[in-house]
Amino acid sequence: MVPQTGHADEFDRYIMPVSNPVFNAEARNKTMVRPLYFHQNLPEKVQTIVGKVPVDGKVTGIAVQATIALSERFSIVAVKDGYLDSEPDETLSAHSGWGDLAAGLQYSLIYDPENQFILSARGVYELPSGDDEIYQGNGDGTITPSLLFLKGFDRLQLSGALGVILPIDSGEEDTLLYDSWHLSYAVTDWFFPLVEFNHFYVLESGDRDVPASGLGAIGTGDEDDLVAGIAEFSGCDLINLGGSNSDENRNYATMALGARFRLTEWLDAGAAYEFAVTDESHGLLDDRYIFDMVISVPL
């Protein structure tokens, strides 16, 4: 292991999760910048009120997350931004644009280096600042309180997150419960294979319905309302559709297999393959490739 010189260093041996990047969060309070790229394959068909509709195609995106640690217990977090390019092969139109912005605060309720354990509380507000064409910017935003933990067992790491996505306008976005889990092992000081599990549950669907123009909304500014109105699921991690039928398929889950590579004391590279373990037609993710870098600044 990397030599440890103080309590803060006791947690430096551990790593940040890779998949579900907005919600599978970091329990440690650290100053870091995290550029990331993902390539997501859309399901061949998705479940709607008129049956399964062909979609297929891909979504790619780039983003930069950042946190500023004011102490080992308190930090400011920026968890969502970026640019998305959506290219369905069937039915829907191709669009690109900016995602919503989300930021908040985090405080460690328990910070116990001797037992390699942290329990942190986080509160995040997502601003509806993104582009409608990529299913962002609807409603008045969401508030997401969550609990994050990290428990180390020498080279083994278990961490996770549990939270609730609460829309300010519950008619425009779904109310969601989520949990994320991360397990990794330090095979060497620089190689950390990992497995992760992410689960979303629709507590309450929104009220968005099919626009009066119906299928004529495809290719227009009302296409996002059409998708929300006919989908029998919620987009969950990057997209909150808020449709009136989102609760027809309440559960959506993914798994991810990957690794982190410690290139230097302040630079980690990560890669993961994430895939749906529930029916892929009940969401907008068939599978996804994620690549990131975590650039850390010591306290």
Protein backbone atom coordinates (compact mmCIF):
# COMPACT_ATOMS: atom_id res chain seq x y z
CA MET A 1 0.00 0.00 0.00
CA VAL A 2 0.95 3.64 -0.41
CA PRO A 3 2.55 4.76 2.90
CA GLN A 4 0.13 6.55 5.20
CA THR A 5 1.28 9.67 7.07
CA GLY A 6 -1.89 10.93 8.76
CA HIS A 7 -5.60 10.45 9.24
CA ALA A 8 -6.56 12.12 5.96
CA ASP A 9 -4.20 9.77 4.16
CA GLU A 10 -6.01 6.72 5.55
CA PHE A 11 -8.72 7.30 2.94
CA ASP A 12 -6.40 8.17 0.04
CA ARG A 13 -5.91 4.47 -0.67
CA TYR A 14 -9.56 4.22 -1.79
CA ILE A 15 -11.21 5.18 -5.06
CA MET A 16 -14.23 6.99 -6.48
CA PRO A 17 -17.11 5.04 -8.12
CA VAL A 18 -17.34 5.16 -11.92
CA SER A 19 -20.87 4.27 -13.08
CA ASN A 20 -24.09 6.23 -12.50
CA PRO A 21 -21.89 9.34 -12.23
CA VAL A 22 -24.51 11.83 -11.01
CA PHE A 23 -25.78 9.79 -8.04
CA ASN A 24 -23.18 7.11 -7.20
CA ALA A 25 -21.22 9.66 -5.23
CA GLU A 26 -18.05 10.03 -3.20
CA ALA A 27 -18.40 9.93 0.62
CA ARG A 28 -15.00 11.58 1.15
CA ASN A 29 -14.70 15.36 1.14
CA LYS A 30 -11.87 16.14 -1.25
CA THR A 31 -10.94 18.81 -3.74
CA MET A 32 -10.98 17.29 -7.19
CA VAL A 33 -11.92 17.77 -10.84
CA ARG A 34 -13.43 14.89 -12.79
CA PRO A 35 -13.74 15.14 -16.59
CA LEU A 36 -15.72 12.23 -18.05
CA TYR A 37 -16.98 10.85 -21.34
CA PHE A 38 -19.66 8.24 -21.96
CA HIS A 39 -21.05 6.35 -24.95
CA GLN A 40 -24.53 4.94 -24.30
CA ASN A 41 -26.40 2.54 -26.57
CA LEU A 42 -30.16 3.00 -26.56
CA PRO A 43 -32.47 -0.02 -26.35
CA GLU A 44 -33.66 -1.54 -29.61
CA LYS A 45 -37.25 -0.89 -28.44
CA VAL A 46 -38.83 0.90 -25.45
CA GLN A 47 -42.10 0.20 -23.68
CA THR A 48 -44.88 2.76 -24.27
CA ILE A 49 -48.65 3.03 -23.94
CA VAL A 50 -48.96 1.93 -27.59
CA GLY A 51 -46.63 -1.07 -27.23
CA LYS A 52 -42.90 -1.38 -27.85
CA VAL A 53 -41.58 1.40 -30.10
CA PRO A 54 -38.25 1.12 -32.01
CA VAL A 55 -35.54 3.55 -30.85
CA ASP A 56 -32.04 2.06 -31.08
CA GLY A 57 -29.07 4.38 -31.73
CA LYS A 58 -26.76 6.05 -29.22
CA VAL A 59 -26.19 8.95 -26.85
CA THR A 60 -22.73 10.37 -26.19
CA GLY A 61 -21.80 12.97 -23.62
CA ILE A 62 -18.98 14.89 -22.00
CA ALA A 63 -19.06 16.53 -18.56
CA VAL A 64 -16.87 17.88 -15.79
CA GLN A 65 -17.63 17.33 -12.12
CA ALA A 66 -15.83 19.13 -9.31
CA THR A 67 -15.73 19.35 -5.54
CA ILE A 68 -14.06 21.82 -3.20
CA ALA A 69 -13.24 20.48 0.27
CA LEU A 70 -13.36 23.20 2.92
CA SER A 71 -12.31 20.63 5.52
CA GLU A 72 -12.13 16.85 5.85
CA ARG A 73 -15.82 16.95 6.86
CA PHE A 74 -17.37 19.61 4.59
CA SER A 75 -17.35 20.25 0.84
CA ILE A 76 -19.11 22.01 -2.02
CA VAL A 77 -20.05 19.64 -4.85
CA ALA A 78 -20.94 20.17 -8.54
CA VAL A 79 -22.29 16.88 -9.86
CA LYS A 80 -24.10 17.46 -13.17
CA ASP A 81 -23.45 19.52 -16.29
CA GLY A 82 -22.15 18.70 -19.75
CA TYR A 83 -23.13 18.36 -23.39
CA LEU A 84 -25.18 15.46 -24.80
CA ASP A 85 -25.58 14.24 -28.37
CA SER A 86 -28.60 11.97 -28.91
CA GLU A 87 -28.79 10.00 -32.18
CA PRO A 88 -31.69 7.51 -32.22
CA ASP A 89 -31.83 5.29 -35.30
CA GLU A 90 -35.61 4.82 -35.25
CA THR A 91 -38.76 6.91 -34.62
CA LEU A 92 -37.27 9.87 -32.72
CA SER A 93 -35.21 12.78 -34.06
CA ALA A 94 -31.51 13.36 -33.40
CA HIS A 95 -30.75 16.28 -31.08
CA SER A 96 -27.87 17.68 -29.05
CA GLY A 97 -27.65 20.22 -26.25
CA TRP A 98 -26.68 21.05 -22.69
CA GLY A 99 -27.67 19.06 -19.65
CA ASP A 100 -29.11 20.52 -16.47
CA LEU A 101 -26.76 21.92 -13.82
CA ALA A 102 -26.69 20.43 -10.31
CA ALA A 103 -24.66 21.39 -7.25
CA GLY A 104 -24.88 21.30 -3.47
CA LEU A 105 -23.21 20.70 -0.11
CA GLN A 106 -21.86 17.64 1.70
CA TYR A 107 -21.02 17.05 5.37
CA SER A 108 -19.52 13.96 7.02
CA LEU A 109 -21.69 12.91 9.96
CA ILE A 110 -19.13 10.24 10.90
CA TYR A 111 -15.46 10.56 10.02
CA ASP A 112 -13.54 7.63 11.53
CA PRO A 113 -10.13 6.99 9.94
CA GLU A 114 -9.14 4.41 12.55
CA ASN A 115 -12.01 2.17 11.48
CA GLN A 116 -11.79 3.23 7.82
CA PHE A 117 -15.40 4.49 7.81
CA ILE A 118 -17.17 7.64 6.61
CA LEU A 119 -20.89 8.44 6.61
CA SER A 120 -21.79 11.68 4.82
CA ALA A 121 -25.00 13.59 4.15
CA ARG A 122 -25.40 15.43 0.85
CA GLY A 123 -28.00 17.86 -0.49
CA VAL A 124 -28.07 18.78 -4.20
CA TYR A 125 -30.28 21.13 -6.22
CA GLU A 126 -30.66 20.46 -9.95
CA LEU A 127 -31.45 23.60 -11.92
CA PRO A 128 -33.72 23.10 -14.99
CA SER A 129 -31.19 24.88 -17.21
CA GLY A 130 -30.73 22.29 -19.96
CA ASP A 131 -32.20 21.93 -23.43
CA ASP A 132 -35.68 20.47 -23.99
CA GLU A 133 -34.51 18.65 -27.14
CA ILE A 134 -32.48 16.23 -25.00
CA TYR A 135 -35.16 15.93 -22.29
CA GLN A 136 -33.65 18.42 -19.87
CA GLY A 137 -34.96 21.70 -18.47
CA ASN A 138 -38.48 20.61 -17.51
CA GLY A 139 -40.17 21.58 -14.25
CA ASP A 140 -38.67 23.77 -11.56
CA GLY A 141 -35.75 21.52 -10.71
CA THR A 142 -35.21 18.83 -8.09
CA ILE A 143 -33.77 18.61 -4.58
CA THR A 144 -31.88 15.41 -3.79
CA PRO A 145 -30.95 14.56 -0.18
CA SER A 146 -28.76 11.48 0.18
CA LEU A 147 -26.55 9.48 2.52
CA LEU A 148 -23.14 8.25 1.32
CA PHE A 149 -20.83 5.79 3.03
CA LEU A 150 -17.36 4.35 2.59
CA LYS A 151 -16.03 1.35 4.56
CA GLY A 152 -12.54 0.05 4.03
CA PHE A 153 -11.20 -3.41 4.86
CA ASP A 154 -7.53 -2.83 4.06
CA ARG A 155 -7.39 -3.51 0.27
CA LEU A 156 -11.16 -4.07 -0.03
CA GLN A 157 -13.56 -1.11 -0.38
CA LEU A 158 -17.33 -1.08 0.02
CA SER A 159 -19.18 2.18 -0.60
CA GLY A 160 -22.62 3.32 -1.61
CA ALA A 161 -25.34 5.95 -1.76
CA LEU A 162 -29.03 6.11 -0.84
CA GLY A 163 -31.15 9.11 -1.84
CA VAL A 164 -34.49 10.54 -2.90
CA ILE A 165 -34.99 12.78 -5.97
CA LEU A 166 -37.72 15.27 -5.00
CA PRO A 167 -39.12 17.47 -7.80
CA ILE A 168 -40.19 20.97 -6.85
CA ASP A 169 -43.00 20.59 -9.40
CA SER A 170 -44.13 16.98 -8.96
CA GLY A 171 -46.35 17.22 -12.02
CA GLU A 172 -43.38 17.81 -14.32
CA GLU A 173 -40.85 15.29 -12.95
CA ASP A 174 -40.94 11.90 -11.24
CA THR A 175 -40.18 11.36 -7.56
CA LEU A 176 -37.48 8.70 -7.39
CA LEU A 177 -35.70 6.60 -4.77
CA TYR A 178 -32.24 5.30 -5.66
CA ASP A 179 -29.45 3.20 -4.20
CA SER A 180 -25.96 2.61 -5.61
CA TRP A 181 -23.28 0.17 -4.45
CA HIS A 182 -19.55 -0.11 -5.18
CA LEU A 183 -17.11 -2.92 -4.39
CA SER A 184 -13.43 -2.76 -5.35
CA TYR A 185 -10.13 -4.38 -4.43
CA ALA A 186 -6.60 -2.99 -4.60
CA VAL A 187 -4.81 -5.79 -6.46
CA THR A 188 -1.76 -3.51 -6.55
CA ASP A 189 -1.14 0.09 -5.49
CA TRP A 190 -2.26 1.21 -8.96
CA PHE A 191 -4.88 -1.35 -10.14
CA PHE A 192 -8.40 -1.44 -8.62
CA PRO A 193 -10.95 -3.72 -10.37
CA LEU A 194 -14.53 -2.87 -9.39
CA VAL A 195 -18.14 -3.97 -9.63
CA GLU A 196 -21.11 -1.62 -9.11
CA PHE A 197 -24.89 -1.90 -8.88
CA ASN A 198 -27.39 0.95 -9.37
CA HIS A 199 -31.13 0.85 -8.72
CA PHE A 200 -33.92 3.41 -9.25
CA TYR A 201 -37.51 3.15 -8.06
CA VAL A 202 -40.37 5.44 -9.13
CA LEU A 203 -42.14 6.52 -5.94
CA GLU A 204 -44.56 8.81 -7.77
CA SER A 205 -44.93 9.58 -11.46
CA GLY A 206 -45.35 13.05 -12.89
CA ASP A 207 -48.39 14.27 -14.84
CA ARG A 208 -46.91 14.99 -18.27
CA ASP A 209 -49.16 13.64 -21.01
CA VAL A 210 -49.20 13.28 -24.78
CA PRO A 211 -49.44 16.74 -26.43
CA ALA A 212 -52.48 17.59 -28.52
CA SER A 213 -50.42 17.16 -31.70
CA GLY A 214 -49.85 13.48 -30.85
CA LEU A 215 -47.31 11.73 -33.06
CA GLY A 216 -47.08 14.95 -35.06
CA ALA A 217 -44.85 16.21 -32.24
CA ILE A 218 -41.93 14.11 -33.56
CA GLY A 219 -39.28 16.46 -34.89
CA THR A 220 -40.89 19.51 -33.23
CA GLY A 221 -40.39 21.37 -29.98
CA ASP A 222 -43.06 19.17 -28.37
CA GLU A 223 -41.18 15.90 -28.91
CA ASP A 224 -39.98 15.80 -25.30
CA ASP A 225 -43.62 16.06 -24.12
CA LEU A 226 -44.58 13.20 -26.45
CA VAL A 227 -41.80 10.95 -25.13
CA ALA A 228 -42.73 11.74 -21.52
CA GLY A 229 -46.42 11.16 -22.23
CA ILE A 230 -46.16 7.75 -23.91
CA ALA A 231 -43.20 6.21 -22.02
CA GLU A 232 -44.05 3.61 -19.37
CA PHE A 233 -40.83 4.25 -17.43
CA SER A 234 -38.66 7.06 -16.08
CA GLY A 235 -35.27 7.95 -17.58
CA CYS A 236 -33.80 7.74 -14.05
CA ASP A 237 -30.12 8.75 -13.95
CA LEU A 238 -29.52 11.46 -16.58
CA ILE A 239 -33.17 12.08 -17.57
CA ASN A 240 -36.29 12.54 -15.43
CA LEU A 241 -39.21 12.23 -17.87
CA GLY A 242 -42.03 13.02 -15.45
CA GLY A 243 -44.61 11.19 -17.57
CA SER A 244 -48.00 10.14 -16.24
CA ASN A 245 -47.16 6.48 -16.96
CA SER A 246 -43.66 6.37 -15.42
CA ASP A 247 -44.92 4.17 -12.59
CA GLU A 248 -45.98 1.36 -14.94
CA ASN A 249 -42.42 0.00 -14.60
CA ARG A 250 -41.15 1.34 -11.29
CA ASN A 251 -37.84 -0.54 -11.00
CA TYR A 252 -34.78 0.03 -13.16
CA ALA A 253 -31.34 -1.37 -12.36
CA THR A 254 -27.88 -1.58 -13.91
CA MET A 255 -24.57 -3.25 -13.14
CA ALA A 256 -21.09 -2.07 -14.05
CA LEU A 257 -17.75 -3.85 -14.37
CA GLY A 258 -14.54 -1.89 -14.63
CA ALA A 259 -11.41 -0.65 -12.95
CA ARG A 260 -9.51 2.38 -11.74
CA PHE A 261 -5.83 2.93 -12.44
CA ARG A 262 -3.75 5.11 -10.10
CA LEU A 263 -1.36 6.84 -12.47
CA THR A 264 0.10 9.18 -9.84
CA GLU A 265 -0.76 10.14 -6.24
CA TRP A 266 -3.10 12.83 -7.61
CA LEU A 267 -4.42 11.26 -10.83
CA ASP A 268 -6.74 8.26 -11.27
CA ALA A 269 -8.15 7.01 -14.56
CA GLY A 270 -11.37 5.00 -14.63
CA ALA A 271 -13.24 2.84 -17.14
CA ALA A 272 -16.45 0.84 -16.76
CA TYR A 273 -18.98 -1.08 -18.84
CA GLU A 274 -22.50 -0.50 -17.45
CA PHE A 275 -25.51 -2.54 -18.61
CA ALA A 276 -29.19 -2.92 -17.74
CA VAL A 277 -30.11 -5.91 -15.55
CA THR A 278 -33.83 -5.16 -15.62
CA ASP A 279 -35.69 -5.19 -18.95
CA GLU A 280 -33.80 -2.70 -21.17
CA SER A 281 -37.08 -1.66 -22.81
CA HIS A 282 -38.09 -0.13 -19.46
CA GLY A 283 -35.43 2.58 -19.70
CA LEU A 284 -33.16 4.45 -22.08
CA LEU A 285 -29.98 2.44 -21.45
CA ASP A 286 -29.07 -0.84 -23.09
CA ASP A 287 -25.41 -0.48 -22.17
CA ARG A 288 -22.90 2.31 -21.59
CA TYR A 289 -19.13 2.80 -21.67
CA ILE A 290 -17.74 5.38 -19.22
CA PHE A 291 -14.22 6.83 -19.10
CA ASP A 292 -13.03 9.44 -16.61
CA MET A 293 -10.09 11.04 -14.86
CA VAL A 294 -10.03 12.11 -11.21
CA ILE A 295 -7.57 14.93 -10.58
CA SER A 296 -7.16 15.38 -6.82
CA VAL A 297 -5.75 18.24 -4.77
CA PRO A 298 -4.72 17.37 -1.17
CA LEU A 299 -6.21 19.27 1.76
